[in-house]
Each structure stands twice: as structure tokens, then as C-alpha cells.
Amino acid sequence: MKKLALIVGLLSMIASSAHAFSYSTPNVFGGYNYYGDVSGYSTSNVFGGYNYYLN
């Protein structure tokens, strides 16, 4: 759970910076692909949330 909180905190910090993600598109994993200054993707998880991965 600490790792999940760290990831969510890190993502919140990145997302709050100036326009980190320009746009997103749905992907086959039930999450989204993110494009912009920072790119990455997310997948849905068993807890009803998302797992985020940055490139």
C-alpha cells in the first residue's frame, strides 16, 4: 500500500505541473494512454483504481 500511495503521490505531483499530459486515449487494458510533456499509460486494477506507468 505504501508503494501505491507513493505512485499516486508522484503522479499527482507530475500532473499538477504545467500541462504534464496534453491528451489521453483509452487503451485495451481498461486504462488510458497519456501523451504530452510526460507520456505513459495506465491499467485498471482489482481495487477499482488504476496502475500508472510512465515512459
Protein backbone atom coordinates (compact mmCIF):
# COMPACT_ATOMS: atom_id res chain seq x y z
CA MET A 1 0.00 0.00 0.00
CA LYS A 2 2.90 2.38 0.66
CA LYS A 3 4.12 1.79 -2.89
CA LEU A 4 0.65 2.60 -4.28
CA ALA A 5 0.48 5.78 -2.19
CA LEU A 6 3.94 6.78 -3.41
CA ILE A 7 2.95 6.23 -7.05
CA VAL A 8 -0.30 8.18 -6.65
CA GLY A 9 1.57 11.00 -4.90
CA LEU A 10 4.23 11.10 -7.60
CA LEU A 11 1.62 11.12 -10.34
CA SER A 12 -0.33 13.89 -8.61
CA MET A 13 2.84 15.97 -8.40
CA ILE A 14 3.63 15.41 -12.08
CA ALA A 15 0.04 16.05 -13.17
CA SER A 16 -0.09 19.30 -11.21
CA SER A 17 2.95 20.63 -13.06
CA ALA A 18 2.22 22.73 -16.12
CA HIS A 19 0.26 20.60 -18.58
CA ALA A 20 2.09 17.34 -17.96
CA PHE A 21 -0.42 15.42 -20.10
CA SER A 22 -1.77 17.05 -23.23
CA TYR A 23 -4.32 14.35 -24.04
CA SER A 24 -5.22 10.74 -23.32
CA THR A 25 -6.83 7.88 -25.21
CA PRO A 26 -8.48 4.71 -23.88
CA ASN A 27 -6.42 1.53 -24.17
CA VAL A 28 -7.20 -2.20 -24.27
CA PHE A 29 -6.22 -2.64 -20.60
CA GLY A 30 -9.20 -0.65 -19.33
CA GLY A 31 -6.99 2.38 -18.67
CA TYR A 32 -5.63 5.25 -20.71
CA ASN A 33 -2.56 6.13 -22.78
CA TYR A 34 -1.19 9.59 -21.90
CA TYR A 35 0.67 11.85 -24.31
CA GLY A 36 2.36 15.21 -23.89
CA ASP A 37 5.37 16.53 -21.97
CA VAL A 38 5.29 13.29 -19.96
CA SER A 39 3.96 10.16 -21.62
CA GLY A 40 2.79 6.89 -20.12
CA TYR A 41 -0.20 4.67 -19.67
CA SER A 42 -2.47 3.23 -17.01
CA THR A 43 -4.20 -0.10 -16.50
CA SER A 44 -7.18 -0.85 -14.29
CA ASN A 45 -6.52 -2.89 -11.16
CA VAL A 46 -8.52 -5.20 -8.90
CA PHE A 47 -9.12 -2.41 -6.37
CA GLY A 48 -11.22 -0.39 -8.81
CA GLY A 49 -8.40 2.08 -9.46
CA TYR A 50 -5.58 2.38 -11.93
CA ASN A 51 -1.92 1.43 -12.08
CA TYR A 52 0.18 4.15 -13.72
CA TYR A 53 3.36 3.64 -15.75
CA LEU A 54 5.47 6.49 -17.06
CA ASN A 55 7.75 6.20 -20.07
